[in-house]
PDB file of N, CA and C in Angstrom:
ATOM      1  N   MET A   1     152.372  91.633 189.232  1.00  0.00           N
ATOM      2  CA  MET A   1     153.025  91.603 190.526  1.00  0.00           C
ATOM      3  C   MET A   1     152.836  92.910 191.293  1.00  0.00           C
ATOM      4  N   GLN A   2     152.411  93.918 190.636  1.00  0.00           N
ATOM      5  CA  GLN A   2     152.255  95.201 191.306  1.00  0.00           C
ATOM      6  C   GLN A   2     151.018  95.182 192.167  1.00  0.00           C
ATOM      7  N   PRO A   3     150.953  95.754 193.280  1.00  0.00           N
ATOM      8  CA  PRO A   3     151.958  96.578 193.933  1.00  0.00           C
ATOM      9  C   PRO A   3     152.877  95.772 194.845  1.00  0.00           C
ATOM     10  N   PHE A   4     152.739  94.456 194.836  1.00  0.00           N
ATOM     11  CA  PHE A   4     153.504  93.627 195.759  1.00  0.00           C
ATOM     12  C   PHE A   4     154.928  93.402 195.257  1.00  0.00           C
ATOM     13  N   GLN A   5     155.867  93.481 196.157  1.00  0.00           N
ATOM     14  CA  GLN A   5     157.272  93.263 195.835  1.00  0.00           C
ATOM     15  C   GLN A   5     157.876  92.281 196.823  1.00  0.00           C
ATOM     16  N   LEU A   6     157.144  91.184 197.072  1.00  0.00           N
ATOM     17  CA  LEU A   6     157.570  90.264 198.107  1.00  0.00           C
ATOM     18  C   LEU A   6     157.102  88.853 197.766  1.00  0.00           C
ATOM     19  N   VAL A   7     158.003  87.906 197.935  1.00  0.00           N
ATOM     20  CA  VAL A   7     157.654  86.488 197.839  1.00  0.00           C
ATOM     21  C   VAL A   7     157.698  85.970 199.261  1.00  0.00           C
ATOM     22  N   LYS A   8     156.631  85.308 199.673  1.00  0.00           N
ATOM     23  CA  LYS A   8     156.499  84.918 201.072  1.00  0.00           C
ATOM     24  C   LYS A   8     156.051  83.466 201.171  1.00  0.00           C
ATOM     25  N   ASP A   9     156.715  82.721 202.049  1.00  0.00           N
ATOM     26  CA  ASP A   9     156.311  81.351 202.351  1.00  0.00           C
ATOM     27  C   ASP A   9     155.760  81.358 203.773  1.00  0.00           C
ATOM     28  N   LEU A  10     154.466  81.159 203.896  1.00  0.00           N
ATOM     29  CA  LEU A  10     153.829  81.251 205.209  1.00  0.00           C
ATOM     30  C   LEU A  10     154.225  80.128 206.149  1.00  0.00           C
ATOM     31  N   ARG A  11     154.579  78.960 205.605  1.00  0.00           N
ATOM     32  CA  ARG A  11     154.990  77.841 206.464  1.00  0.00           C
ATOM     33  C   ARG A  11     156.284  78.158 207.185  1.00  0.00           C
ATOM     34  N   THR A  12     157.255  78.659 206.440  1.00  0.00           N
ATOM     35  CA  THR A  12     158.593  78.848 206.993  1.00  0.00           C
ATOM     36  C   THR A  12     158.837  80.267 207.485  1.00  0.00           C
ATOM     37  N   GLY A  13     158.020  81.207 207.029  1.00  0.00           N
ATOM     38  CA  GLY A  13     158.204  82.599 207.412  1.00  0.00           C
ATOM     39  C   GLY A  13     159.227  83.329 206.566  1.00  0.00           C
ATOM     40  N   VAL A  14     159.724  82.706 205.510  1.00  0.00           N
ATOM     41  CA  VAL A  14     160.725  83.337 204.650  1.00  0.00           C
ATOM     42  C   VAL A  14     160.054  84.391 203.778  1.00  0.00           C
ATOM     43  N   GLU A  15     160.673  85.555 203.737  1.00  0.00           N
ATOM     44  CA  GLU A  15     160.205  86.624 202.876  1.00  0.00           C
ATOM     45  C   GLU A  15     161.373  87.107 202.031  1.00  0.00           C
ATOM     46  N   ILE A  16     161.157  87.193 200.724  1.00  0.00           N
ATOM     47  CA  ILE A  16     162.197  87.634 199.811  1.00  0.00           C
ATOM     48  C   ILE A  16     161.689  88.866 199.079  1.00  0.00           C
ATOM     49  N   GLY A  17     162.426  89.954 199.193  1.00  0.00           N
ATOM     50  CA  GLY A  17     162.014  91.209 198.583  1.00  0.00           C
ATOM     51  C   GLY A  17     162.409  91.357 197.132  1.00  0.00           C
ATOM     52  N   ASN A  18     163.216  90.449 196.628  1.00  0.00           N
ATOM     53  CA  ASN A  18     163.658  90.532 195.238  1.00  0.00           C
ATOM     54  C   ASN A  18     162.882  89.503 194.415  1.00  0.00           C
ATOM     55  N   ILE A  19     161.680  89.887 193.965  1.00  0.00           N
ATOM     56  CA  ILE A  19     160.856  88.921 193.245  1.00  0.00           C
ATOM     57  C   ILE A  19     161.448  88.545 191.901  1.00  0.00           C
ATOM     58  N   GLN A  20     162.205  89.442 191.307  1.00  0.00           N
ATOM     59  CA  GLN A  20     162.806  89.131 190.010  1.00  0.00           C
ATOM     60  C   GLN A  20     163.803  87.984 190.135  1.00  0.00           C
ATOM     61  N   ALA A  21     164.541  87.940 191.222  1.00  0.00           N
ATOM     62  CA  ALA A  21     165.488  86.844 191.432  1.00  0.00           C
ATOM     63  C   ALA A  21     164.749  85.515 191.534  1.00  0.00           C
ATOM     64  N   VAL A  22     163.627  85.506 192.231  1.00  0.00           N
ATOM     65  CA  VAL A  22     162.841  84.275 192.362  1.00  0.00           C
ATOM     66  C   VAL A  22     162.294  83.871 190.999  1.00  0.00           C
ATOM     67  N   LEU A  23     161.772  84.829 190.251  1.00  0.00           N
ATOM     68  CA  LEU A  23     161.257  84.534 188.918  1.00  0.00           C
ATOM     69  C   LEU A  23     162.359  84.043 187.978  1.00  0.00           C
ATOM     70  N   ASP A  24     163.580  84.480 188.225  1.00  0.00           N
ATOM     71  CA  ASP A  24     164.721  84.037 187.423  1.00  0.00           C
ATOM     72  C   ASP A  24     165.254  82.683 187.866  1.00  0.00           C
ATOM     73  N   GLY A  25     164.674  82.116 188.926  1.00  0.00           N
ATOM     74  CA  GLY A  25     165.039  80.768 189.330  1.00  0.00           C
ATOM     75  C   GLY A  25     165.853  80.644 190.602  1.00  0.00           C
ATOM     76  N   ASP A  26     166.049  81.724 191.333  1.00  0.00           N
ATOM     77  CA  ASP A  26     166.817  81.651 192.580  1.00  0.00           C
ATOM     78  C   ASP A  26     165.892  81.235 193.722  1.00  0.00           C
ATOM     79  N   PHE A  27     165.681  79.922 193.838  1.00  0.00           N
ATOM     80  CA  PHE A  27     164.801  79.371 194.857  1.00  0.00           C
ATOM     81  C   PHE A  27     165.556  78.922 196.100  1.00  0.00           C
ATOM     82  N   SER A  28     166.844  79.089 196.130  1.00  0.00           N
ATOM     83  CA  SER A  28     167.672  78.556 197.213  1.00  0.00           C
ATOM     84  C   SER A  28     167.171  78.924 198.612  1.00  0.00           C
ATOM     85  N   PRO A  29     166.891  80.182 198.889  1.00  0.00           N
ATOM     86  CA  PRO A  29     166.431  80.505 200.247  1.00  0.00           C
ATOM     87  C   PRO A  29     165.122  79.806 200.601  1.00  0.00           C
ATOM     88  N   LEU A  30     164.229  79.678 199.629  1.00  0.00           N
ATOM     89  CA  LEU A  30     162.950  79.019 199.875  1.00  0.00           C
ATOM     90  C   LEU A  30     163.137  77.528 200.127  1.00  0.00           C
ATOM     91  N   VAL A  31     163.975  76.889 199.332  1.00  0.00           N
ATOM     92  CA  VAL A  31     164.208  75.452 199.473  1.00  0.00           C
ATOM     93  C   VAL A  31     164.913  75.157 200.792  1.00  0.00           C
ATOM     94  N   GLU A  32     165.930  75.928 201.125  1.00  0.00           N
ATOM     95  CA  GLU A  32     166.662  75.710 202.371  1.00  0.00           C
ATOM     96  C   GLU A  32     165.758  75.893 203.584  1.00  0.00           C
ATOM     97  N   ALA A  33     164.928  76.925 203.559  1.00  0.00           N
ATOM     98  CA  ALA A  33     164.004  77.155 204.673  1.00  0.00           C
ATOM     99  C   ALA A  33     162.987  76.033 204.768  1.00  0.00           C
ATOM    100  N   PHE A  34     162.501  75.557 203.629  1.00  0.00           N
ATOM    101  CA  PHE A  34     161.545  74.451 203.650  1.00  0.00           C
ATOM    102  C   PHE A  34     162.184  73.203 204.232  1.00  0.00           C
ATOM    103  N   LEU A  35     163.408  72.893 203.847  1.00  0.00           N
ATOM    104  CA  LEU A  35     164.073  71.700 204.355  1.00  0.00           C
ATOM    105  C   LEU A  35     164.288  71.787 205.867  1.00  0.00           C
ATOM    106  N   ARG A  36     164.666  72.973 206.359  1.00  0.00           N
ATOM    107  CA  ARG A  36     164.801  73.171 207.811  1.00  0.00           C
ATOM    108  C   ARG A  36     163.454  72.984 208.504  1.00  0.00           C
ATOM    109  N   TRP A  37     162.418  73.592 207.922  1.00  0.00           N
ATOM    110  CA  TRP A  37     161.067  73.488 208.482  1.00  0.00           C
ATOM    111  C   TRP A  37     160.609  72.036 208.521  1.00  0.00           C
ATOM    112  N   ARG A  38     160.836  71.298 207.444  1.00  0.00           N
ATOM    113  CA  ARG A  38     160.412  69.899 207.351  1.00  0.00           C
ATOM    114  C   ARG A  38     161.143  69.020 208.367  1.00  0.00           C
ATOM    115  N   ARG A  39     162.458  69.282 208.525  1.00  0.00           N
ATOM    116  CA  ARG A  39     163.237  68.531 209.505  1.00  0.00           C
ATOM    117  C   ARG A  39     162.705  68.785 210.919  1.00  0.00           C
ATOM    118  N   GLU A  40     162.372  70.030 211.219  1.00  0.00           N
ATOM    119  CA  GLU A  40     161.820  70.358 212.533  1.00  0.00           C
ATOM    120  C   GLU A  40     160.472  69.661 212.752  1.00  0.00           C
ATOM    121  N   GLN A  41     159.662  69.584 211.699  1.00  0.00           N
ATOM    122  CA  GLN A  41     158.367  68.903 211.792  1.00  0.00           C
ATOM    123  C   GLN A  41     158.547  67.428 212.116  1.00  0.00           C
ATOM    124  N   LYS A  42     159.521  66.803 211.479  1.00  0.00           N
ATOM    125  CA  LYS A  42     159.780  65.375 211.721  1.00  0.00           C
ATOM    126  C   LYS A  42     160.309  65.144 213.129  1.00  0.00           C
ATOM    127  N   GLU A  43     161.151  66.057 213.601  1.00  0.00           N
ATOM    128  CA  GLU A  43     161.737  65.896 214.940  1.00  0.00           C
ATOM    129  C   GLU A  43     160.679  66.047 216.037  1.00  0.00           C
ATOM    130  N   THR A  44     159.685  66.879 215.798  1.00  0.00           N
ATOM    131  CA  THR A  44     158.659  67.091 216.825  1.00  0.00           C
ATOM    132  C   THR A  44     157.480  66.129 216.655  1.00  0.00           C
ATOM    133  N   GLY A  45     157.525  65.326 215.595  1.00  0.00           N
ATOM    134  CA  GLY A  45     156.493  64.322 215.396  1.00  0.00           C
ATOM    135  C   GLY A  45     155.202  64.849 214.817  1.00  0.00           C
ATOM    136  N   GLU A  46     155.253  66.012 214.221  1.00  0.00           N
ATOM    137  CA  GLU A  46     154.029  66.588 213.647  1.00  0.00           C
ATOM    138  C   GLU A  46     153.834  66.163 212.225  1.00  0.00           C
TER     139      GLU A  46
END
């Protein structure tokens, strides 16, 4: 993981600086952002 200390989702723009939390299973911010992104995609018809 060195030298990077960031988990990034390019679709949603979410960036998490605590990679250890993500590796430990804390996916909540990523999942919530994805669900918001997906809902917006459906609403705009894309």
